[in-house]
């Protein structure tokens, strides 16, 4: 009964958040260039992108349309690999001059001592680095034999700064799922405080690499691992917001599943398109900063994100968990959109 009442209360909370749709996080896909060729890249980025990097001034004009930014409003630089750009600090300083917070998501390869100091001096408040296994499995996924050593050096720099909000994300796949305990111990030894784990959906390059996708048994193994580690409290570990996980909902996160794409999360993509999380199908774009007022679009559009009844189709049509899942994470609706790409709860309940 208590669990059911909590579910009802959380549904009401989601409805309230959706009506309010306060913009808390704005991703800026500042480049489509990347120094890696990762096997799982959902954006299919490359060193020679057909898109030019967006000018800092163009992005700031879009930010300046936000009439009264939320107290916790944060801009997240993503890509591609944002540290390829030499003017991130310029944009960061301009955001701080406006009283806004900013952070970066990076593969860590270019994150050396000089850049660390430069980014901190420009006001970077948070950093997310990717560590996708022990040396062999990490380098395999990242397609770079120096990637592991570089990101470990970046982790040492990040943890040396007491004012930096820092976490690690790990893409769990068939190559590294047996290494999770070792990865956890490695992170703890390096004084990492927070660790988020996520899995792959078949979009981008991942479509061509079935060994990235966990079996149902492996997915349950991952849920059990996270649930057990959260009890131990050795590190702040959680499953990402990628999907609804049924009976594991109270056990693997701080809260119940809530895909906040288009509700609290927006993005400006490399071509100026206005959307939510950058991994979402580009057909869901709601406008373009070169033609539209960004904040007006945020306030008046985003209907597919805020009323998801359109995706009550395919296997979701008769699902008894739809009210809590609402079609899973939004990035699971790619292609023809006739069915959800991955149902996390199905992985658990079909065993």
C-alpha atoms as a PDB file:
ATOM      1  CA  UNK A   1       0.000   0.000   0.000  1.00  0.00           C
ATOM      2  CA  UNK A   2       2.801   2.436   0.909  1.00  0.00           C
ATOM      3  CA  UNK A   3       4.561   1.731  -2.398  1.00  0.00           C
ATOM      4  CA  UNK A   4       1.322   2.298  -4.340  1.00  0.00           C
ATOM      5  CA  UNK A   5       0.676   5.592  -2.538  1.00  0.00           C
ATOM      6  CA  UNK A   6       4.228   6.700  -3.314  1.00  0.00           C
ATOM      7  CA  UNK A   7       3.636   5.911  -6.985  1.00  0.00           C
ATOM      8  CA  UNK A   8       0.455   7.969  -6.999  1.00  0.00           C
ATOM      9  CA  UNK A   9       2.214  10.866  -5.317  1.00  0.00           C
ATOM     10  CA  UNK A  10       5.062  10.713  -7.837  1.00  0.00           C
ATOM     11  CA  UNK A  11       2.619  10.702 -10.752  1.00  0.00           C
ATOM     12  CA  UNK A  12       1.072  13.889  -9.363  1.00  0.00           C
ATOM     13  CA  UNK A  13       4.551  15.355  -8.972  1.00  0.00           C
ATOM     14  CA  UNK A  14       5.370  14.592 -12.622  1.00  0.00           C
ATOM     15  CA  UNK A  15       2.127  16.194 -13.757  1.00  0.00           C
ATOM     16  CA  UNK A  16       2.955  19.329 -11.775  1.00  0.00           C
ATOM     17  CA  UNK A  17       6.515  19.481 -13.111  1.00  0.00           C
ATOM     18  CA  UNK A  18       5.241  19.035 -16.660  1.00  0.00           C
ATOM     19  CA  UNK A  19       2.726  21.885 -16.317  1.00  0.00           C
ATOM     20  CA  UNK A  20       5.407  24.159 -14.891  1.00  0.00           C
ATOM     21  CA  UNK A  21       8.138  22.946 -17.328  1.00  0.00           C
ATOM     22  CA  UNK A  22      10.838  25.013 -15.655  1.00  0.00           C
ATOM     23  CA  UNK A  23      14.030  24.937 -17.710  1.00  0.00           C
ATOM     24  CA  UNK A  24      16.783  23.682 -15.414  1.00  0.00           C
ATOM     25  CA  UNK A  25      19.339  22.211 -17.821  1.00  0.00           C
ATOM     26  CA  UNK A  26      20.294  23.427 -21.275  1.00  0.00           C
ATOM     27  CA  UNK A  27      22.627  21.249 -23.331  1.00  0.00           C
ATOM     28  CA  UNK A  28      24.693  23.032 -25.944  1.00  0.00           C
ATOM     29  CA  UNK A  29      25.929  20.718 -28.696  1.00  0.00           C
ATOM     30  CA  UNK A  30      28.791  23.101 -29.298  1.00  0.00           C
ATOM     31  CA  UNK A  31      30.591  20.864 -31.797  1.00  0.00           C
ATOM     32  CA  UNK A  32      29.955  17.727 -33.808  1.00  0.00           C
ATOM     33  CA  UNK A  33      33.691  17.103 -34.054  1.00  0.00           C
ATOM     34  CA  UNK A  34      35.259  14.399 -31.904  1.00  0.00           C
ATOM     35  CA  UNK A  35      38.774  13.089 -31.399  1.00  0.00           C
ATOM     36  CA  UNK A  36      37.399   9.551 -30.911  1.00  0.00           C
ATOM     37  CA  UNK A  37      35.412   7.087 -32.975  1.00  0.00           C
ATOM     38  CA  UNK A  38      33.531   5.321 -30.174  1.00  0.00           C
ATOM     39  CA  UNK A  39      31.615   2.159 -30.965  1.00  0.00           C
ATOM     40  CA  UNK A  40      28.506   3.290 -29.093  1.00  0.00           C
ATOM     41  CA  UNK A  41      28.232   6.921 -30.226  1.00  0.00           C
ATOM     42  CA  UNK A  42      24.579   7.870 -30.537  1.00  0.00           C
ATOM     43  CA  UNK A  43      25.468  11.073 -32.387  1.00  0.00           C
ATOM     44  CA  UNK A  44      27.797   9.333 -34.855  1.00  0.00           C
ATOM     45  CA  UNK A  45      30.361  12.128 -34.452  1.00  0.00           C
ATOM     46  CA  UNK A  46      33.683  12.193 -36.273  1.00  0.00           C
ATOM     47  CA  UNK A  47      36.882  14.233 -36.580  1.00  0.00           C
ATOM     48  CA  UNK A  48      35.656  15.750 -39.844  1.00  0.00           C
ATOM     49  CA  UNK A  49      32.067  16.774 -39.186  1.00  0.00           C
ATOM     50  CA  UNK A  50      30.001  18.327 -41.950  1.00  0.00           C
ATOM     51  CA  UNK A  51      28.751  20.868 -39.382  1.00  0.00           C
ATOM     52  CA  UNK A  52      30.817  23.892 -38.438  1.00  0.00           C
ATOM     53  CA  UNK A  53      31.089  24.694 -34.747  1.00  0.00           C
ATOM     54  CA  UNK A  54      28.382  27.115 -33.634  1.00  0.00           C
ATOM     55  CA  UNK A  55      29.621  30.606 -32.854  1.00  0.00           C
ATOM     56  CA  UNK A  56      29.625  31.466 -29.139  1.00  0.00           C
ATOM     57  CA  UNK A  57      27.718  34.682 -29.897  1.00  0.00           C
ATOM     58  CA  UNK A  58      24.896  32.742 -31.575  1.00  0.00           C
ATOM     59  CA  UNK A  59      24.444  30.483 -28.582  1.00  0.00           C
ATOM     60  CA  UNK A  60      24.569  33.363 -26.098  1.00  0.00           C
ATOM     61  CA  UNK A  61      21.838  35.188 -28.035  1.00  0.00           C
ATOM     62  CA  UNK A  62      19.632  32.129 -27.517  1.00  0.00           C
ATOM     63  CA  UNK A  63      20.484  31.998 -23.801  1.00  0.00           C
ATOM     64  CA  UNK A  64      19.668  35.692 -23.450  1.00  0.00           C
ATOM     65  CA  UNK A  65      16.063  35.046 -24.503  1.00  0.00           C
ATOM     66  CA  UNK A  66      15.485  33.216 -21.209  1.00  0.00           C
ATOM     67  CA  UNK A  67      13.591  35.859 -19.274  1.00  0.00           C
ATOM     68  CA  UNK A  68      14.197  34.712 -15.696  1.00  0.00           C
ATOM     69  CA  UNK A  69      16.502  31.687 -15.486  1.00  0.00           C
ATOM     70  CA  UNK A  70      15.693  29.174 -12.756  1.00  0.00           C
ATOM     71  CA  UNK A  71      17.844  29.369  -9.648  1.00  0.00           C
ATOM     72  CA  UNK A  72      19.584  26.085 -10.498  1.00  0.00           C
ATOM     73  CA  UNK A  73      19.725  26.681 -14.272  1.00  0.00           C
ATOM     74  CA  UNK A  74      22.865  25.127 -15.776  1.00  0.00           C
ATOM     75  CA  UNK A  75      24.337  25.055 -19.270  1.00  0.00           C
ATOM     76  CA  UNK A  76      26.072  21.794 -20.192  1.00  0.00           C
ATOM     77  CA  UNK A  77      28.635  21.842 -22.995  1.00  0.00           C
ATOM     78  CA  UNK A  78      28.495  18.622 -24.962  1.00  0.00           C
ATOM     79  CA  UNK A  79      29.317  17.393 -28.450  1.00  0.00           C
ATOM     80  CA  UNK A  80      31.132  15.705 -30.065  1.00  0.00           C
ATOM     81  CA  UNK A  81      33.988  16.456 -27.732  1.00  0.00           C
ATOM     82  CA  UNK A  82      33.625  20.021 -26.407  1.00  0.00           C
ATOM     83  CA  UNK A  83      37.283  20.332 -25.385  1.00  0.00           C
ATOM     84  CA  UNK A  84      38.255  20.306 -29.064  1.00  0.00           C
ATOM     85  CA  UNK A  85      37.049  23.892 -29.056  1.00  0.00           C
ATOM     86  CA  UNK A  86      39.513  26.520 -27.825  1.00  0.00           C
ATOM     87  CA  UNK A  87      36.839  29.070 -26.891  1.00  0.00           C
ATOM     88  CA  UNK A  88      34.863  27.122 -24.275  1.00  0.00           C
ATOM     89  CA  UNK A  89      36.347  29.336 -21.603  1.00  0.00           C
ATOM     90  CA  UNK A  90      35.158  32.450 -23.446  1.00  0.00           C
ATOM     91  CA  UNK A  91      31.590  31.151 -23.432  1.00  0.00           C
ATOM     92  CA  UNK A  92      31.939  30.006 -19.825  1.00  0.00           C
ATOM     93  CA  UNK A  93      33.063  33.447 -18.662  1.00  0.00           C
ATOM     94  CA  UNK A  94      30.155  35.065 -20.506  1.00  0.00           C
ATOM     95  CA  UNK A  95      27.715  32.703 -18.817  1.00  0.00           C
ATOM     96  CA  UNK A  96      29.212  33.422 -15.395  1.00  0.00           C
ATOM     97  CA  UNK A  97      28.993  37.163 -16.148  1.00  0.00           C
ATOM     98  CA  UNK A  98      25.269  36.566 -16.574  1.00  0.00           C
ATOM     99  CA  UNK A  99      25.153  34.762 -13.237  1.00  0.00           C
ATOM    100  CA  UNK A 100      24.666  31.342 -14.853  1.00  0.00           C
ATOM    101  CA  UNK A 101      26.277  28.002 -14.011  1.00  0.00           C
ATOM    102  CA  UNK A 102      27.936  25.799 -16.599  1.00  0.00           C
ATOM    103  CA  UNK A 103      29.512  22.363 -16.880  1.00  0.00           C
ATOM    104  CA  UNK A 104      31.104  19.994 -19.406  1.00  0.00           C
ATOM    105  CA  UNK A 105      30.666  16.380 -20.482  1.00  0.00           C
ATOM    106  CA  UNK A 106      33.964  15.060 -21.863  1.00  0.00           C
ATOM    107  CA  UNK A 107      35.854  11.908 -22.794  1.00  0.00           C
ATOM    108  CA  UNK A 108      38.816  13.371 -20.878  1.00  0.00           C
ATOM    109  CA  UNK A 109      41.460  12.885 -23.551  1.00  0.00           C
ATOM    110  CA  UNK A 110      42.289  16.588 -23.826  1.00  0.00           C
ATOM    111  CA  UNK A 111      41.775  17.360 -20.146  1.00  0.00           C
ATOM    112  CA  UNK A 112      45.293  18.177 -18.947  1.00  0.00           C
ATOM    113  CA  UNK A 113      46.605  20.402 -16.137  1.00  0.00           C
ATOM    114  CA  UNK A 114      46.620  23.548 -18.256  1.00  0.00           C
ATOM    115  CA  UNK A 115      43.038  23.059 -19.444  1.00  0.00           C
ATOM    116  CA  UNK A 116      41.901  22.104 -15.938  1.00  0.00           C
ATOM    117  CA  UNK A 117      43.117  25.414 -14.518  1.00  0.00           C
ATOM    118  CA  UNK A 118      41.793  27.354 -17.485  1.00  0.00           C
ATOM    119  CA  UNK A 119      38.300  25.870 -17.206  1.00  0.00           C
ATOM    120  CA  UNK A 120      38.133  26.407 -13.457  1.00  0.00           C
ATOM    121  CA  UNK A 121      39.258  30.008 -13.861  1.00  0.00           C
ATOM    122  CA  UNK A 122      36.450  30.477 -16.394  1.00  0.00           C
ATOM    123  CA  UNK A 123      33.926  29.316 -13.803  1.00  0.00           C
ATOM    124  CA  UNK A 124      33.275  25.674 -14.651  1.00  0.00           C
ATOM    125  CA  UNK A 125      31.252  24.247 -11.783  1.00  0.00           C
ATOM    126  CA  UNK A 126      30.744  20.639 -12.804  1.00  0.00           C
ATOM    127  CA  UNK A 127      32.437  18.016 -14.942  1.00  0.00           C
ATOM    128  CA  UNK A 128      31.377  14.583 -16.153  1.00  0.00           C
ATOM    129  CA  UNK A 129      33.998  12.182 -17.496  1.00  0.00           C
ATOM    130  CA  UNK A 130      33.443   8.806 -19.143  1.00  0.00           C
ATOM    131  CA  UNK A 131      35.164   5.682 -17.861  1.00  0.00           C
ATOM    132  CA  UNK A 132      33.886   2.597 -19.651  1.00  0.00           C
ATOM    133  CA  UNK A 133      35.805  -0.247 -18.088  1.00  0.00           C
ATOM    134  CA  UNK A 134      39.290  -1.313 -17.145  1.00  0.00           C
ATOM    135  CA  UNK A 135      42.046  -0.480 -19.601  1.00  0.00           C
ATOM    136  CA  UNK A 136      41.347  -3.049 -22.326  1.00  0.00           C
ATOM    137  CA  UNK A 137      37.565  -2.751 -22.369  1.00  0.00           C
ATOM    138  CA  UNK A 138      37.603   1.057 -22.086  1.00  0.00           C
ATOM    139  CA  UNK A 139      40.078   1.441 -24.956  1.00  0.00           C
ATOM    140  CA  UNK A 140      38.067  -1.052 -27.037  1.00  0.00           C
ATOM    141  CA  UNK A 141      34.853   0.948 -26.677  1.00  0.00           C
ATOM    142  CA  UNK A 142      36.620   4.250 -27.276  1.00  0.00           C
ATOM    143  CA  UNK A 143      38.679   2.945 -30.223  1.00  0.00           C
ATOM    144  CA  UNK A 144      41.811   4.547 -28.803  1.00  0.00           C
ATOM    145  CA  UNK A 145      44.713   2.822 -27.063  1.00  0.00           C
ATOM    146  CA  UNK A 146      45.611   5.888 -24.987  1.00  0.00           C
ATOM    147  CA  UNK A 147      42.093   6.722 -23.870  1.00  0.00           C
ATOM    148  CA  UNK A 148      42.226   4.904 -20.527  1.00  0.00           C
ATOM    149  CA  UNK A 149      45.506   6.462 -19.365  1.00  0.00           C
ATOM    150  CA  UNK A 150      44.326   9.918 -20.449  1.00  0.00           C
ATOM    151  CA  UNK A 151      40.992   9.734 -18.654  1.00  0.00           C
ATOM    152  CA  UNK A 152      42.626   8.404 -15.496  1.00  0.00           C
ATOM    153  CA  UNK A 153      44.924  11.450 -15.519  1.00  0.00           C
ATOM    154  CA  UNK A 154      41.861  13.660 -16.012  1.00  0.00           C
ATOM    155  CA  UNK A 155      40.114  11.983 -13.073  1.00  0.00           C
ATOM    156  CA  UNK A 156      43.101  12.739 -10.842  1.00  0.00           C
ATOM    157  CA  UNK A 157      42.916  16.405 -11.822  1.00  0.00           C
ATOM    158  CA  UNK A 158      39.152  16.593 -11.303  1.00  0.00           C
ATOM    159  CA  UNK A 159      39.231  15.032  -7.838  1.00  0.00           C
ATOM    160  CA  UNK A 160      42.014  17.408  -6.801  1.00  0.00           C
ATOM    161  CA  UNK A 161      39.577  20.342  -6.971  1.00  0.00           C
ATOM    162  CA  UNK A 162      37.331  20.476  -3.922  1.00  0.00           C
ATOM    163  CA  UNK A 163      34.906  22.995  -5.442  1.00  0.00           C
ATOM    164  CA  UNK A 164      34.246  21.006  -8.646  1.00  0.00           C
ATOM    165  CA  UNK A 165      31.071  18.928  -8.761  1.00  0.00           C
ATOM    166  CA  UNK A 166      32.414  15.834 -10.492  1.00  0.00           C
ATOM    167  CA  UNK A 167      31.079  12.446 -11.521  1.00  0.00           C
ATOM    168  CA  UNK A 168      31.900   9.469 -13.704  1.00  0.00           C
ATOM    169  CA  UNK A 169      29.557   7.851 -16.216  1.00  0.00           C
ATOM    170  CA  UNK A 170      30.022   4.292 -17.425  1.00  0.00           C
ATOM    171  CA  UNK A 171      28.466   2.637 -20.441  1.00  0.00           C
ATOM    172  CA  UNK A 172      27.774  -0.923 -19.271  1.00  0.00           C
ATOM    173  CA  UNK A 173      28.079  -3.480 -22.041  1.00  0.00           C
ATOM    174  CA  UNK A 174      28.949  -7.144 -22.513  1.00  0.00           C
ATOM    175  CA  UNK A 175      32.668  -6.377 -22.461  1.00  0.00           C
ATOM    176  CA  UNK A 176      32.773  -4.661 -19.064  1.00  0.00           C
ATOM    177  CA  UNK A 177      29.845  -6.012 -17.043  1.00  0.00           C
ATOM    178  CA  UNK A 178      32.115  -8.480 -15.254  1.00  0.00           C
ATOM    179  CA  UNK A 179      34.450  -5.630 -14.279  1.00  0.00           C
ATOM    180  CA  UNK A 180      31.982  -3.502 -12.336  1.00  0.00           C
ATOM    181  CA  UNK A 181      33.327  -4.370  -8.887  1.00  0.00           C
ATOM    182  CA  UNK A 182      36.872  -3.635 -10.041  1.00  0.00           C
ATOM    183  CA  UNK A 183      35.795  -0.365 -11.649  1.00  0.00           C
ATOM    184  CA  UNK A 184      34.030   0.627  -8.431  1.00  0.00           C
ATOM    185  CA  UNK A 185      37.150  -0.116  -6.373  1.00  0.00           C
ATOM    186  CA  UNK A 186      39.296   1.818  -8.844  1.00  0.00           C
ATOM    187  CA  UNK A 187      37.029   4.860  -8.616  1.00  0.00           C
ATOM    188  CA  UNK A 188      36.984   4.752  -4.830  1.00  0.00           C
ATOM    189  CA  UNK A 189      40.786   4.527  -4.778  1.00  0.00           C
ATOM    190  CA  UNK A 190      40.903   7.657  -6.958  1.00  0.00           C
ATOM    191  CA  UNK A 191      38.560   9.501  -4.556  1.00  0.00           C
ATOM    192  CA  UNK A 192      35.640   9.653  -7.000  1.00  0.00           C
ATOM    193  CA  UNK A 193      32.428  10.332  -5.083  1.00  0.00           C
ATOM    194  CA  UNK A 194      29.676   9.819  -7.702  1.00  0.00           C
ATOM    195  CA  UNK A 195      29.166   7.161 -10.391  1.00  0.00           C
ATOM    196  CA  UNK A 196      26.322   6.855 -12.920  1.00  0.00           C
ATOM    197  CA  UNK A 197      25.816   3.766 -15.031  1.00  0.00           C
ATOM    198  CA  UNK A 198      23.859   3.516 -18.250  1.00  0.00           C
ATOM    199  CA  UNK A 199      23.217   1.017 -21.024  1.00  0.00           C
ATOM    200  CA  UNK A 200      23.020   1.292 -24.787  1.00  0.00           C
ATOM    201  CA  UNK A 201      20.012   1.539 -27.054  1.00  0.00           C
ATOM    202  CA  UNK A 202      20.497   0.643 -30.730  1.00  0.00           C
ATOM    203  CA  UNK A 203      20.919   4.107 -32.239  1.00  0.00           C
ATOM    204  CA  UNK A 204      23.877   5.716 -34.021  1.00  0.00           C
ATOM    205  CA  UNK A 205      26.918   3.445 -34.327  1.00  0.00           C
ATOM    206  CA  UNK A 206      25.578   1.087 -31.667  1.00  0.00           C
ATOM    207  CA  UNK A 207      23.195  -0.358 -34.280  1.00  0.00           C
ATOM    208  CA  UNK A 208      26.210  -2.128 -35.798  1.00  0.00           C
ATOM    209  CA  UNK A 209      27.592  -3.534 -32.528  1.00  0.00           C
ATOM    210  CA  UNK A 210      25.280  -6.070 -30.927  1.00  0.00           C
ATOM    211  CA  UNK A 211      27.941  -6.924 -28.320  1.00  0.00           C
ATOM    212  CA  UNK A 212      27.238  -3.558 -26.728  1.00  0.00           C
ATOM    213  CA  UNK A 213      23.692  -4.585 -25.827  1.00  0.00           C
ATOM    214  CA  UNK A 214      23.092  -6.415 -22.556  1.00  0.00           C
ATOM    215  CA  UNK A 215      21.056  -9.590 -22.490  1.00  0.00           C
ATOM    216  CA  UNK A 216      18.024  -9.685 -20.196  1.00  0.00           C
ATOM    217  CA  UNK A 217      20.035 -11.680 -17.644  1.00  0.00           C
ATOM    218  CA  UNK A 218      22.888  -9.198 -17.784  1.00  0.00           C
ATOM    219  CA  UNK A 219      20.530  -6.259 -17.367  1.00  0.00           C
ATOM    220  CA  UNK A 220      19.054  -7.810 -14.218  1.00  0.00           C
ATOM    221  CA  UNK A 221      22.607  -8.470 -13.033  1.00  0.00           C
ATOM    222  CA  UNK A 222      23.318  -4.765 -13.464  1.00  0.00           C
ATOM    223  CA  UNK A 223      20.217  -3.791 -11.481  1.00  0.00           C
ATOM    224  CA  UNK A 224      21.181  -6.176  -8.678  1.00  0.00           C
ATOM    225  CA  UNK A 225      24.711  -4.788  -8.635  1.00  0.00           C
ATOM    226  CA  UNK A 226      23.545  -1.173  -8.330  1.00  0.00           C
ATOM    227  CA  UNK A 227      20.956  -2.026  -5.668  1.00  0.00           C
ATOM    228  CA  UNK A 228      23.541  -3.877  -3.594  1.00  0.00           C
ATOM    229  CA  UNK A 229      26.190  -1.165  -3.925  1.00  0.00           C
ATOM    230  CA  UNK A 230      23.717   1.532  -2.896  1.00  0.00           C
ATOM    231  CA  UNK A 231      23.178  -0.382   0.356  1.00  0.00           C
ATOM    232  CA  UNK A 232      26.912  -0.359   1.004  1.00  0.00           C
ATOM    233  CA  UNK A 233      27.189   3.417   0.474  1.00  0.00           C
ATOM    234  CA  UNK A 234      30.853   3.259  -0.499  1.00  0.00           C
ATOM    235  CA  UNK A 235      30.206   5.516  -3.486  1.00  0.00           C
ATOM    236  CA  UNK A 236      27.181   7.476  -4.691  1.00  0.00           C
ATOM    237  CA  UNK A 237      26.114   5.039  -7.399  1.00  0.00           C
ATOM    238  CA  UNK A 238      22.931   5.192  -9.441  1.00  0.00           C
ATOM    239  CA  UNK A 239      21.354   4.011 -12.664  1.00  0.00           C
ATOM    240  CA  UNK A 240      20.846   6.736 -15.257  1.00  0.00           C
ATOM    241  CA  UNK A 241      17.467   8.227 -16.155  1.00  0.00           C
ATOM    242  CA  UNK A 242      17.319   6.223 -19.383  1.00  0.00           C
ATOM    243  CA  UNK A 243      14.280   4.070 -18.608  1.00  0.00           C
ATOM    244  CA  UNK A 244      11.689   2.633 -16.255  1.00  0.00           C
ATOM    245  CA  UNK A 245      12.954  -0.449 -14.400  1.00  0.00           C
ATOM    246  CA  UNK A 246       9.855  -1.782 -12.631  1.00  0.00           C
ATOM    247  CA  UNK A 247      10.529  -3.431  -9.288  1.00  0.00           C
ATOM    248  CA  UNK A 248      14.007  -1.916  -9.151  1.00  0.00           C
ATOM    249  CA  UNK A 249      12.684   1.668  -9.269  1.00  0.00           C
ATOM    250  CA  UNK A 250      13.094   2.406  -5.536  1.00  0.00           C
ATOM    251  CA  UNK A 251      16.439   0.593  -5.406  1.00  0.00           C
ATOM    252  CA  UNK A 252      18.725   1.929  -8.155  1.00  0.00           C
ATOM    253  CA  UNK A 253      18.039   5.686  -8.110  1.00  0.00           C
ATOM    254  CA  UNK A 254      17.363   8.458  -5.644  1.00  0.00           C
ATOM    255  CA  UNK A 255      13.843   8.805  -7.056  1.00  0.00           C
ATOM    256  CA  UNK A 256      11.382   7.086  -9.386  1.00  0.00           C
ATOM    257  CA  UNK A 257      11.916   7.187 -13.146  1.00  0.00           C
ATOM    258  CA  UNK A 258      11.103  10.503 -14.762  1.00  0.00           C
ATOM    259  CA  UNK A 259      12.239  11.370 -18.292  1.00  0.00           C
ATOM    260  CA  UNK A 260      12.618  15.135 -18.008  1.00  0.00           C
ATOM    261  CA  UNK A 261      13.420  15.683 -21.700  1.00  0.00           C
ATOM    262  CA  UNK A 262      11.482  18.720 -22.843  1.00  0.00           C
ATOM    263  CA  UNK A 263      10.133  19.216 -19.320  1.00  0.00           C
ATOM    264  CA  UNK A 264      13.203  20.446 -17.449  1.00  0.00           C
ATOM    265  CA  UNK A 265      15.855  19.676 -20.079  1.00  0.00           C
ATOM    266  CA  UNK A 266      16.362  21.511 -23.354  1.00  0.00           C
ATOM    267  CA  UNK A 267      19.122  21.682 -25.931  1.00  0.00           C
ATOM    268  CA  UNK A 268      20.545  23.790 -28.707  1.00  0.00           C
ATOM    269  CA  UNK A 269      21.928  21.442 -31.334  1.00  0.00           C
ATOM    270  CA  UNK A 270      24.867  22.011 -33.656  1.00  0.00           C
ATOM    271  CA  UNK A 271      22.705  23.392 -36.487  1.00  0.00           C
ATOM    272  CA  UNK A 272      20.703  25.637 -34.160  1.00  0.00           C
ATOM    273  CA  UNK A 273      17.806  23.214 -33.740  1.00  0.00           C
ATOM    274  CA  UNK A 274      15.938  23.481 -30.444  1.00  0.00           C
ATOM    275  CA  UNK A 275      15.255  20.153 -28.768  1.00  0.00           C
ATOM    276  CA  UNK A 276      15.678  18.286 -25.480  1.00  0.00           C
ATOM    277  CA  UNK A 277      18.464  15.756 -24.777  1.00  0.00           C
ATOM    278  CA  UNK A 278      20.940  15.699 -27.703  1.00  0.00           C
ATOM    279  CA  UNK A 279      20.541  11.928 -28.248  1.00  0.00           C
ATOM    280  CA  UNK A 280      16.854  12.272 -29.077  1.00  0.00           C
ATOM    281  CA  UNK A 281      15.782  11.763 -32.691  1.00  0.00           C
ATOM    282  CA  UNK A 282      16.314  15.046 -34.551  1.00  0.00           C
ATOM    283  CA  UNK A 283      12.799  14.888 -35.985  1.00  0.00           C
ATOM    284  CA  UNK A 284      11.555  16.015 -32.555  1.00  0.00           C
ATOM    285  CA  UNK A 285      13.218  19.429 -32.938  1.00  0.00           C
ATOM    286  CA  UNK A 286      10.838  22.237 -31.987  1.00  0.00           C
ATOM    287  CA  UNK A 287      12.368  25.171 -33.828  1.00  0.00           C
ATOM    288  CA  UNK A 288      15.715  26.785 -34.589  1.00  0.00           C
ATOM    289  CA  UNK A 289      17.547  29.615 -32.830  1.00  0.00           C
ATOM    290  CA  UNK A 290      18.327  31.231 -36.196  1.00  0.00           C
ATOM    291  CA  UNK A 291      14.616  31.637 -36.926  1.00  0.00           C
ATOM    292  CA  UNK A 292      12.895  31.490 -33.526  1.00  0.00           C
ATOM    293  CA  UNK A 293      13.095  32.961 -30.059  1.00  0.00           C
ATOM    294  CA  UNK A 294      14.502  30.104 -27.993  1.00  0.00           C
ATOM    295  CA  UNK A 295      12.557  30.788 -24.812  1.00  0.00           C
ATOM    296  CA  UNK A 296       9.264  31.311 -26.654  1.00  0.00           C
ATOM    297  CA  UNK A 297       9.747  27.905 -28.248  1.00  0.00           C
ATOM    298  CA  UNK A 298      10.465  26.409 -24.825  1.00  0.00           C
ATOM    299  CA  UNK A 299       7.349  27.953 -23.335  1.00  0.00           C
ATOM    300  CA  UNK A 300       4.882  27.388 -26.178  1.00  0.00           C
ATOM    301  CA  UNK A 301       6.003  24.262 -28.031  1.00  0.00           C
ATOM    302  CA  UNK A 302       7.511  20.930 -26.861  1.00  0.00           C
ATOM    303  CA  UNK A 303       4.027  19.345 -26.996  1.00  0.00           C
ATOM    304  CA  UNK A 304       5.305  15.815 -27.891  1.00  0.00           C
ATOM    305  CA  UNK A 305       7.444  15.912 -24.743  1.00  0.00           C
ATOM    306  CA  UNK A 306       4.771  17.206 -22.390  1.00  0.00           C
ATOM    307  CA  UNK A 307       1.889  15.042 -23.561  1.00  0.00           C
ATOM    308  CA  UNK A 308       3.234  11.627 -24.455  1.00  0.00           C
ATOM    309  CA  UNK A 309      -0.061   9.929 -25.248  1.00  0.00           C
ATOM    310  CA  UNK A 310       1.099   9.763 -28.887  1.00  0.00           C
ATOM    311  CA  UNK A 311       3.544   6.997 -27.939  1.00  0.00           C
ATOM    312  CA  UNK A 312       0.913   4.776 -26.371  1.00  0.00           C
ATOM    313  CA  UNK A 313       1.307   2.476 -29.347  1.00  0.00           C
ATOM    314  CA  UNK A 314       2.957  -0.855 -30.084  1.00  0.00           C
ATOM    315  CA  UNK A 315       3.758  -2.744 -26.916  1.00  0.00           C
ATOM    316  CA  UNK A 316       3.131   0.406 -24.852  1.00  0.00           C
ATOM    317  CA  UNK A 317      -0.536   0.498 -25.887  1.00  0.00           C
ATOM    318  CA  UNK A 318      -1.723  -2.111 -23.405  1.00  0.00           C
ATOM    319  CA  UNK A 319       1.121  -1.958 -20.893  1.00  0.00           C
ATOM    320  CA  UNK A 320      -0.075  -1.801 -17.273  1.00  0.00           C
ATOM    321  CA  UNK A 321       3.014   0.237 -16.357  1.00  0.00           C
ATOM    322  CA  UNK A 322       2.454   3.011 -18.906  1.00  0.00           C
ATOM    323  CA  UNK A 323       1.434   5.631 -16.329  1.00  0.00           C
ATOM    324  CA  UNK A 324       4.772   5.243 -14.571  1.00  0.00           C
ATOM    325  CA  UNK A 325       6.911   4.577 -17.654  1.00  0.00           C
ATOM    326  CA  UNK A 326       5.248   6.763 -20.331  1.00  0.00           C
ATOM    327  CA  UNK A 327       7.059   4.975 -23.111  1.00  0.00           C
ATOM    328  CA  UNK A 328      10.473   4.827 -21.440  1.00  0.00           C
ATOM    329  CA  UNK A 329      13.289   7.319 -22.053  1.00  0.00           C
ATOM    330  CA  UNK A 330      12.563   9.646 -24.978  1.00  0.00           C
ATOM    331  CA  UNK A 331      15.705   8.550 -26.843  1.00  0.00           C
ATOM    332  CA  UNK A 332      14.017   5.149 -27.267  1.00  0.00           C
ATOM    333  CA  UNK A 333      11.762   6.638 -29.970  1.00  0.00           C
ATOM    334  CA  UNK A 334      13.890   6.729 -33.102  1.00  0.00           C
ATOM    335  CA  UNK A 335      13.199   5.797 -36.689  1.00  0.00           C
ATOM    336  CA  UNK A 336       9.590   5.059 -37.619  1.00  0.00           C
ATOM    337  CA  UNK A 337       8.471   5.532 -33.977  1.00  0.00           C
ATOM    338  CA  UNK A 338       5.934   2.732 -34.170  1.00  0.00           C
ATOM    339  CA  UNK A 339       7.305   0.995 -31.091  1.00  0.00           C
ATOM    340  CA  UNK A 340       9.749   1.672 -28.279  1.00  0.00           C
ATOM    341  CA  UNK A 341      13.284   0.517 -29.153  1.00  0.00           C
ATOM    342  CA  UNK A 342      14.040  -0.891 -25.700  1.00  0.00           C
ATOM    343  CA  UNK A 343      11.701  -1.714 -22.824  1.00  0.00           C
ATOM    344  CA  UNK A 344      13.844  -1.990 -19.705  1.00  0.00           C
ATOM    345  CA  UNK A 345      11.000  -3.373 -17.611  1.00  0.00           C
ATOM    346  CA  UNK A 346      10.403  -6.117 -20.175  1.00  0.00           C
ATOM    347  CA  UNK A 347      14.018  -7.212 -19.749  1.00  0.00           C
ATOM    348  CA  UNK A 348      13.291  -7.743 -16.072  1.00  0.00           C
ATOM    349  CA  UNK A 349       9.832  -9.324 -16.239  1.00  0.00           C
ATOM    350  CA  UNK A 350      10.484 -11.786 -19.065  1.00  0.00           C
ATOM    351  CA  UNK A 351      13.061 -13.805 -17.122  1.00  0.00           C
END
